[in-house]
Amino acid sequence: MPSLPSPKLATQKVARHAVRDYIARRIATGQYQPGTKLVQNGIAQELGVSRAVVREAIFELLGMGLVETNDNRGAVVTEFNMARLLECYELREILEGLAARRCCDRITVKQLRELHDLIDEIHRLHVDGDHEQSARLDRKFHLALTRIADNRLVEKLSGTYAVLGKVVTIRHADPEQTYTEHQAILNHIQSGNHQAAENAARLHVHKAYQAIQQRPPEELGLQWIA
């Protein structure tokens, strides 16, 4: 079980996010199977939080598409399948392209330097075969661009695919190709070329979409990336 902040110390917002991620993780790892009813009282007792916090966490998961409501059974786990995953990547392509465009006017020299260091580390880990840590930092890279873009609507919409994005690693992906694509995004942002930055970001996500679509399921690592 992932650690949760003490109810006495944590704000309700922090507790809600922790509960949301806990439930999402259990969905992604198959501990909550499709069709499983999410019993709010049981989850609240298990985690030591209020039923209201659990209800708010489930409401967020509804927006992410991981949970759906059933008139007879309440909140139940939706099916986690390839079609849903590909839908998330279609959304990512649009939003991350827009984020890269906006970064051209907002990114600082310090942020650029940090992101260049980050993609160097992603590449090193990928070459070394540490796919889980590489995927974790890759997600950090993309989320950083979304935050730098400074558009609350883009950040909010990104939350609808963030959880699914955390559970996918593509085994056998080419580390050199990934590194080249990351560099292209940052180089175009650094030069202030809005259209090229957007195109590079969209192409990067689209290639990931194609890789997921074309590869057999056994080459896709469906695991939680924290």
Protein backbone atom coordinates (compact mmCIF):
# COMPACT_ATOMS: atom_id res chain seq x y z
CA MET A 1 0.00 0.00 0.00
CA PRO A 2 1.37 3.45 -0.85
CA SER A 3 1.92 5.71 2.11
CA LEU A 4 -0.79 8.22 2.87
CA PRO A 5 -0.42 11.45 4.81
CA SER A 6 -1.77 11.40 8.33
CA PRO A 7 -5.36 12.70 8.35
CA LYS A 8 -4.39 14.93 11.27
CA LEU A 9 -1.55 16.54 9.36
CA ALA A 10 -2.73 16.51 5.75
CA THR A 11 -5.05 19.01 4.17
CA GLN A 12 -8.19 17.58 2.62
CA LYS A 13 -6.77 18.34 -0.85
CA VAL A 14 -3.60 16.35 -0.22
CA ALA A 15 -5.55 13.47 1.29
CA ARG A 16 -7.94 13.42 -1.68
CA HIS A 17 -5.05 13.25 -4.15
CA ALA A 18 -3.40 10.46 -2.18
CA VAL A 19 -6.64 8.47 -2.09
CA ARG A 20 -7.22 9.10 -5.79
CA ASP A 21 -3.75 7.82 -6.67
CA TYR A 22 -4.18 4.83 -4.38
CA ILE A 23 -7.42 3.78 -6.10
CA ALA A 24 -5.98 4.51 -9.54
CA ARG A 25 -2.97 2.34 -8.79
CA ARG A 26 -5.14 -0.57 -7.74
CA ILE A 27 -7.14 -0.18 -10.95
CA ALA A 28 -4.02 -0.01 -13.11
CA THR A 29 -2.42 -3.04 -11.47
CA GLY A 30 -5.58 -5.13 -11.68
CA GLN A 31 -6.31 -5.28 -7.95
CA TYR A 32 -9.60 -3.56 -8.72
CA GLN A 33 -10.98 -5.40 -11.73
CA PRO A 34 -13.39 -3.86 -14.29
CA GLY A 35 -16.88 -3.84 -12.83
CA THR A 36 -15.63 -3.75 -9.23
CA LYS A 37 -17.82 -1.59 -7.03
CA LEU A 38 -15.89 1.04 -5.08
CA VAL A 39 -17.32 0.89 -1.57
CA GLN A 40 -16.66 4.31 -0.05
CA ASN A 41 -17.03 3.24 3.57
CA GLY A 42 -14.63 0.34 3.13
CA ILE A 43 -11.97 2.44 1.39
CA ALA A 44 -12.32 5.21 3.99
CA GLN A 45 -11.82 2.75 6.86
CA GLU A 46 -8.90 1.05 5.13
CA LEU A 47 -7.04 4.31 4.55
CA GLY A 48 -8.07 6.17 7.68
CA VAL A 49 -9.73 9.07 5.90
CA SER A 50 -13.25 10.43 5.83
CA ARG A 51 -15.92 9.11 3.49
CA ALA A 52 -16.18 12.61 2.00
CA VAL A 53 -12.52 12.50 0.96
CA VAL A 54 -13.05 9.14 -0.74
CA ARG A 55 -16.15 10.47 -2.51
CA GLU A 56 -14.18 13.45 -3.85
CA ALA A 57 -11.34 11.16 -5.00
CA ILE A 58 -13.81 8.95 -6.86
CA PHE A 59 -15.32 12.04 -8.47
CA GLU A 60 -11.88 12.92 -9.86
CA LEU A 61 -11.46 9.38 -11.17
CA LEU A 62 -14.79 9.72 -12.95
CA GLY A 63 -13.33 12.68 -14.85
CA MET A 64 -10.26 10.62 -15.74
CA GLY A 65 -12.38 7.83 -17.16
CA LEU A 66 -11.16 5.19 -14.71
CA VAL A 67 -14.49 4.98 -12.90
CA GLU A 68 -18.07 5.15 -14.12
CA THR A 69 -21.39 5.37 -12.35
CA ASN A 70 -24.00 2.68 -12.46
CA ASP A 71 -27.56 3.46 -11.37
CA ASN A 72 -27.86 0.20 -9.48
CA ARG A 73 -24.32 -0.24 -8.16
CA GLY A 74 -22.88 3.26 -7.71
CA ALA A 75 -19.25 3.87 -8.75
CA VAL A 76 -17.58 0.95 -10.53
CA VAL A 77 -14.23 0.45 -12.26
CA THR A 78 -14.36 0.93 -16.00
CA GLU A 79 -12.61 -1.39 -18.41
CA PHE A 80 -8.90 -0.62 -18.89
CA ASN A 81 -8.21 -1.54 -22.50
CA MET A 82 -6.10 -0.58 -25.48
CA ALA A 83 -8.84 1.55 -27.04
CA ARG A 84 -9.03 3.75 -23.94
CA LEU A 85 -5.25 4.02 -23.84
CA LEU A 86 -5.08 5.15 -27.47
CA GLU A 87 -7.77 7.76 -26.83
CA CYS A 88 -5.54 9.21 -24.13
CA TYR A 89 -2.62 9.46 -26.54
CA GLU A 90 -4.79 11.25 -29.10
CA LEU A 91 -5.60 13.84 -26.43
CA ARG A 92 -1.94 14.03 -25.40
CA GLU A 93 -0.87 14.84 -28.95
CA ILE A 94 -3.09 17.91 -29.10
CA LEU A 95 -2.48 19.22 -25.58
CA GLU A 96 1.28 18.66 -25.48
CA GLY A 97 1.66 20.30 -28.86
CA LEU A 98 -0.11 23.36 -27.49
CA ALA A 99 1.99 23.23 -24.33
CA ALA A 100 5.24 23.21 -26.33
CA ARG A 101 4.04 26.19 -28.37
CA ARG A 102 3.26 28.18 -25.22
CA CYS A 103 6.58 27.23 -23.64
CA CYS A 104 8.39 29.23 -26.35
CA ASP A 105 7.32 32.47 -24.68
CA ARG A 106 7.52 31.35 -21.06
CA ILE A 107 10.43 29.03 -20.41
CA THR A 108 13.46 30.33 -18.51
CA VAL A 109 17.13 29.61 -19.12
CA LYS A 110 17.23 27.67 -15.84
CA GLN A 111 14.25 25.56 -16.81
CA LEU A 112 15.77 24.81 -20.20
CA ARG A 113 19.01 23.71 -18.60
CA GLU A 114 17.16 21.47 -16.16
CA LEU A 115 15.12 19.87 -18.93
CA HIS A 116 18.21 19.23 -21.05
CA ASP A 117 19.79 17.52 -18.03
CA LEU A 118 16.59 15.54 -17.54
CA ILE A 119 16.46 14.16 -21.09
CA ASP A 120 20.16 13.24 -20.80
CA GLU A 121 19.31 11.20 -17.72
CA ILE A 122 16.27 9.63 -19.42
CA HIS A 123 18.50 8.55 -22.28
CA ARG A 124 21.17 7.12 -19.96
CA LEU A 125 18.63 5.08 -18.02
CA HIS A 126 16.97 3.87 -21.19
CA VAL A 127 20.29 2.69 -22.64
CA ASP A 128 21.12 0.96 -19.35
CA GLY A 129 17.82 -0.92 -19.49
CA ASP A 130 16.19 0.76 -16.49
CA HIS A 131 12.87 1.17 -18.28
CA GLU A 132 10.80 1.92 -15.18
CA GLN A 133 12.95 4.81 -13.97
CA SER A 134 13.38 6.07 -17.52
CA ALA A 135 9.60 6.08 -17.97
CA ARG A 136 9.17 7.84 -14.63
CA LEU A 137 11.50 10.67 -15.68
CA ASP A 138 9.99 10.78 -19.16
CA ARG A 139 6.61 11.48 -17.56
CA LYS A 140 8.26 14.16 -15.41
CA PHE A 141 9.63 15.80 -18.57
CA HIS A 142 6.24 16.01 -20.24
CA LEU A 143 4.48 17.22 -17.11
CA ALA A 144 7.13 19.92 -16.68
CA LEU A 145 6.37 21.29 -20.15
CA THR A 146 2.67 21.31 -19.33
CA ARG A 147 3.30 23.31 -16.14
CA ILE A 148 5.65 25.76 -17.86
CA ALA A 149 2.99 26.36 -20.52
CA ASP A 150 0.96 28.03 -17.75
CA ASN A 151 -2.53 27.26 -19.01
CA ARG A 152 -4.83 25.97 -16.30
CA LEU A 153 -7.26 24.45 -18.78
CA VAL A 154 -4.48 22.49 -20.48
CA GLU A 155 -3.30 21.24 -17.06
CA LYS A 156 -6.84 20.27 -16.10
CA LEU A 157 -7.47 18.40 -19.34
CA SER A 158 -4.08 16.72 -19.04
CA GLY A 159 -5.32 15.19 -15.80
CA THR A 160 -7.79 13.10 -17.79
CA TYR A 161 -4.96 11.06 -19.29
CA ALA A 162 -2.25 11.47 -16.65
CA VAL A 163 -3.13 8.30 -14.75
CA LEU A 164 -3.21 6.08 -17.83
CA GLY A 165 -0.01 7.67 -19.01
CA LYS A 166 1.66 6.52 -15.82
CA VAL A 167 1.07 2.84 -16.41
CA VAL A 168 2.63 2.38 -19.82
CA THR A 169 6.20 1.65 -20.77
CA ILE A 170 7.16 0.50 -24.24
CA ARG A 171 9.75 -2.21 -24.05
CA HIS A 172 12.24 -2.32 -26.91
CA ALA A 173 11.65 1.34 -27.80
CA ASP A 174 14.67 2.97 -29.45
CA PRO A 175 16.44 5.18 -26.86
CA GLU A 176 18.22 7.15 -29.60
CA GLN A 177 14.97 8.03 -31.32
CA THR A 178 13.38 9.12 -28.07
CA TYR A 179 16.39 11.25 -27.20
CA THR A 180 16.42 12.89 -30.65
CA GLU A 181 12.72 13.72 -30.37
CA HIS A 182 13.15 15.20 -26.88
CA GLN A 183 16.06 17.30 -28.09
CA ALA A 184 14.03 18.58 -31.04
CA ILE A 185 11.23 19.75 -28.76
CA LEU A 186 13.60 21.63 -26.46
CA ASN A 187 15.68 23.10 -29.30
CA HIS A 188 12.62 24.53 -31.03
CA ILE A 189 11.30 25.91 -27.73
CA GLN A 190 14.70 27.48 -27.04
CA SER A 191 14.78 29.13 -30.48
CA GLY A 192 11.23 30.45 -30.01
CA ASN A 193 9.88 28.66 -33.09
CA HIS A 194 6.28 28.15 -32.01
CA GLN A 195 5.10 26.04 -34.93
CA ALA A 196 8.18 23.82 -35.00
CA ALA A 197 7.95 23.25 -31.24
CA GLU A 198 4.31 22.27 -31.51
CA ASN A 199 4.99 19.99 -34.48
CA ALA A 200 7.90 18.29 -32.70
CA ALA A 201 5.85 17.65 -29.56
CA ARG A 202 2.92 16.30 -31.53
CA LEU A 203 5.13 14.06 -33.64
CA HIS A 204 6.78 12.66 -30.52
CA VAL A 205 3.44 11.68 -28.96
CA HIS A 206 2.07 10.43 -32.27
CA LYS A 207 5.01 8.06 -32.68
CA ALA A 208 4.33 6.68 -29.21
CA TYR A 209 0.69 6.24 -30.24
CA GLN A 210 1.77 4.29 -33.31
CA ALA A 211 4.16 2.15 -31.28
CA ILE A 212 1.41 1.19 -28.84
CA GLN A 213 -1.01 0.53 -31.69
CA GLN A 214 1.39 -1.66 -33.65
CA ARG A 215 3.20 -3.65 -30.97
CA PRO A 216 1.87 -6.89 -29.50
CA PRO A 217 0.57 -6.61 -25.91
CA GLU A 218 3.53 -8.54 -24.49
CA GLU A 219 5.88 -5.72 -25.56
CA LEU A 220 3.88 -3.15 -23.61
CA GLY A 221 4.69 -2.93 -19.93
CA LEU A 222 1.47 -2.12 -18.10
CA GLN A 223 2.82 -1.09 -14.72
CA TRP A 224 2.47 1.84 -12.38
CA ILE A 225 4.95 4.64 -13.00
CA ALA A 226 4.92 6.83 -9.88
